[in-house]
Amino acid sequence: MKWLICVVTAFVLWLLLFWSLAPAVLVVGVLVAVVVSTVLRHVYPENLHKALDPRRWLFFLIYLPYFLYYCIKANIDVMFRVIHPDVPIRPGIVKIRTTLTTDMAKTFLANSITLTPGTLTIDIDGQDLYIHWINIHTDDTEKRTAEICGRFEPLLRRIFE
């Protein structure tokens, strides 16, 4: 059942990408959907009903502009640091602790941190994330965690856990 849902989802995505109902596009789309679904069957969500929960999708739709806001804010901060040489840059690698438990949630958090300018996720080790940060201004782990990922964790918890 999960495989079939993945095939249908991949095929719909294929149709949306090509925006054509030409026979060649349909045939190749089905073949690609079947191959991709077969190759990636080990990464299907274990609880499919959780993945299809409309509340999770609603929180994801809330997360997108929320993430975009912080991404733009970080872009402006990095731009300001580049343009103005007096603004401090104290780069380094920091260890932060996440309260997220699922691999998908931690991966999404790590990607969100990496996509935010000024931070780059280097490694995930259990509940710890190692982040390269453009401006380390505190030695307190809790403050660093709150500043880097505290704004993303509550929504990601609602989406993935």
Protein backbone atom coordinates (compact mmCIF):
# COMPACT_ATOMS: atom_id res chain seq x y z
CA MET A 1 0.00 0.00 0.00
CA LYS A 2 2.81 2.44 0.91
CA TRP A 3 4.57 1.63 -2.34
CA LEU A 4 1.43 2.40 -4.36
CA ILE A 5 0.91 5.71 -2.57
CA CYS A 6 4.53 6.61 -3.32
CA VAL A 7 4.08 5.70 -7.00
CA VAL A 8 0.97 7.85 -7.27
CA THR A 9 2.63 10.75 -5.45
CA ALA A 10 5.74 10.56 -7.65
CA PHE A 11 3.60 10.38 -10.78
CA VAL A 12 1.52 13.40 -9.76
CA LEU A 13 4.74 15.31 -9.04
CA TRP A 14 6.02 14.27 -12.48
CA LEU A 15 2.87 15.60 -14.12
CA LEU A 16 3.12 18.87 -12.21
CA LEU A 17 6.74 19.29 -13.27
CA PHE A 18 6.14 18.57 -16.96
CA TRP A 19 2.62 20.03 -17.16
CA SER A 20 1.78 17.84 -20.14
CA LEU A 21 -0.49 14.89 -20.84
CA ALA A 22 1.38 13.73 -23.94
CA PRO A 23 1.54 9.92 -24.12
CA ALA A 24 5.35 9.87 -23.96
CA VAL A 25 5.33 12.03 -20.82
CA LEU A 26 2.72 9.76 -19.19
CA VAL A 27 4.61 6.54 -20.00
CA VAL A 28 7.98 7.86 -18.87
CA GLY A 29 6.32 9.34 -15.76
CA VAL A 30 4.87 5.98 -14.76
CA LEU A 31 8.21 4.25 -15.33
CA VAL A 32 10.13 6.85 -13.33
CA ALA A 33 7.54 6.75 -10.52
CA VAL A 34 7.75 2.94 -10.30
CA VAL A 35 11.57 2.90 -10.33
CA VAL A 36 11.92 5.71 -7.79
CA SER A 37 9.30 4.19 -5.50
CA THR A 38 10.98 0.80 -5.66
CA VAL A 39 14.47 2.16 -5.01
CA LEU A 40 13.33 4.39 -2.15
CA ARG A 41 10.93 1.96 -0.46
CA HIS A 42 13.16 1.77 2.63
CA VAL A 43 12.57 5.46 3.41
CA TYR A 44 8.77 5.37 3.45
CA PRO A 45 7.30 6.77 6.64
CA GLU A 46 6.49 4.04 9.13
CA ASN A 47 3.26 5.70 10.22
CA LEU A 48 1.68 6.74 6.96
CA HIS A 49 -1.40 8.09 8.74
CA LYS A 50 0.85 10.66 10.46
CA ALA A 51 2.26 11.82 7.13
CA LEU A 52 -1.23 12.32 5.73
CA ASP A 53 -2.57 14.19 8.77
CA PRO A 54 -3.95 17.57 7.53
CA ARG A 55 -2.89 19.31 10.76
CA ARG A 56 0.74 18.46 10.03
CA TRP A 57 0.40 19.94 6.54
CA LEU A 58 -1.21 23.05 8.02
CA PHE A 59 1.74 23.50 10.39
CA PHE A 60 4.10 22.95 7.46
CA LEU A 61 2.33 25.74 5.55
CA ILE A 62 2.74 27.94 8.63
CA TYR A 63 6.41 26.94 8.87
CA LEU A 64 7.27 28.05 5.32
CA PRO A 65 6.70 31.83 5.75
CA TYR A 66 8.10 31.61 9.28
CA PHE A 67 11.31 30.07 7.93
CA LEU A 68 11.39 32.54 5.04
CA TYR A 69 11.19 35.46 7.48
CA TYR A 70 14.19 34.22 9.49
CA CYS A 71 16.07 33.41 6.29
CA ILE A 72 15.61 36.97 4.99
CA LYS A 73 16.54 38.38 8.38
CA ALA A 74 19.75 36.31 8.42
CA ASN A 75 20.53 37.37 4.84
CA ILE A 76 20.34 41.01 5.88
CA ASP A 77 22.55 40.33 8.91
CA VAL A 78 25.24 38.59 6.84
CA MET A 79 25.04 41.28 4.17
CA PHE A 80 25.49 43.96 6.84
CA ARG A 81 28.54 42.11 8.24
CA VAL A 82 30.10 41.92 4.78
CA ILE A 83 29.47 45.57 3.88
CA HIS A 84 30.46 47.08 7.24
CA PRO A 85 33.93 45.95 8.36
CA ASP A 86 33.35 47.20 11.93
CA VAL A 87 30.62 44.64 12.59
CA PRO A 88 32.19 41.67 14.38
CA ILE A 89 32.59 38.28 12.80
CA ARG A 90 33.60 35.61 15.31
CA PRO A 91 33.17 32.34 13.43
CA GLY A 92 33.40 28.97 15.07
CA ILE A 93 31.81 25.59 15.54
CA VAL A 94 29.27 25.24 18.32
CA LYS A 95 27.43 22.25 19.72
CA ILE A 96 23.71 22.64 20.29
CA ARG A 97 21.22 20.17 21.70
CA THR A 98 17.86 19.56 20.10
CA THR A 99 14.78 18.17 21.79
CA LEU A 100 13.47 16.71 18.53
CA THR A 101 13.46 12.92 18.52
CA THR A 102 12.64 11.69 15.02
CA ASP A 103 15.29 11.50 12.33
CA MET A 104 13.07 13.37 9.88
CA ALA A 105 12.56 16.26 12.31
CA LYS A 106 16.28 16.51 13.07
CA THR A 107 17.13 16.38 9.37
CA PHE A 108 14.62 19.11 8.60
CA LEU A 109 16.01 21.23 11.46
CA ALA A 110 19.58 20.72 10.20
CA ASN A 111 18.55 21.71 6.68
CA SER A 112 16.69 24.77 7.96
CA ILE A 113 19.78 25.85 9.90
CA THR A 114 22.01 25.29 6.87
CA LEU A 115 19.69 27.25 4.57
CA THR A 116 19.74 30.18 6.99
CA PRO A 117 22.76 32.36 6.09
CA GLY A 118 25.42 32.56 8.77
CA THR A 119 24.93 29.01 10.00
CA LEU A 120 25.87 25.64 8.58
CA THR A 121 25.07 22.24 10.06
CA ILE A 122 28.21 20.12 10.01
CA ASP A 123 27.11 16.97 11.84
CA ILE A 124 24.26 15.40 13.77
CA ASP A 125 25.24 13.09 16.62
CA GLY A 126 22.19 11.81 18.49
CA GLN A 127 20.53 14.89 19.98
CA ASP A 128 23.55 17.11 19.32
CA LEU A 129 24.06 19.23 16.23
CA TYR A 130 27.41 20.75 15.37
CA ILE A 131 26.94 24.11 13.70
CA HIS A 132 29.42 26.48 12.07
CA TRP A 133 28.20 29.90 13.17
CA ILE A 134 29.36 33.22 11.74
CA ASN A 135 29.17 35.12 15.03
CA ILE A 136 29.56 33.29 18.33
CA HIS A 137 28.68 35.78 21.04
CA THR A 138 27.88 33.50 23.97
CA ASP A 139 29.45 30.49 25.63
CA ASP A 140 26.14 29.37 27.15
CA THR A 141 24.90 26.26 25.33
CA GLU A 142 21.25 26.95 26.16
CA LYS A 143 21.41 30.49 24.77
CA ARG A 144 23.15 29.28 21.61
CA THR A 145 20.56 26.54 21.16
CA ALA A 146 17.70 28.99 21.65
CA GLU A 147 19.19 31.47 19.20
CA ILE A 148 20.06 28.99 16.46
CA CYS A 149 17.25 26.43 16.52
CA GLY A 150 14.82 27.46 19.24
CA ARG A 151 12.64 29.35 16.79
CA PHE A 152 12.29 26.32 14.47
CA GLU A 153 11.86 23.45 16.93
CA PRO A 154 8.28 24.08 18.15
CA LEU A 155 6.80 24.06 14.65
CA LEU A 156 8.96 21.16 13.49
CA ARG A 157 7.81 19.17 16.52
CA ARG A 158 4.18 19.78 15.49
CA ILE A 159 4.95 18.69 11.92
CA PHE A 160 7.13 15.62 12.43
CA GLU A 161 6.52 14.23 15.93
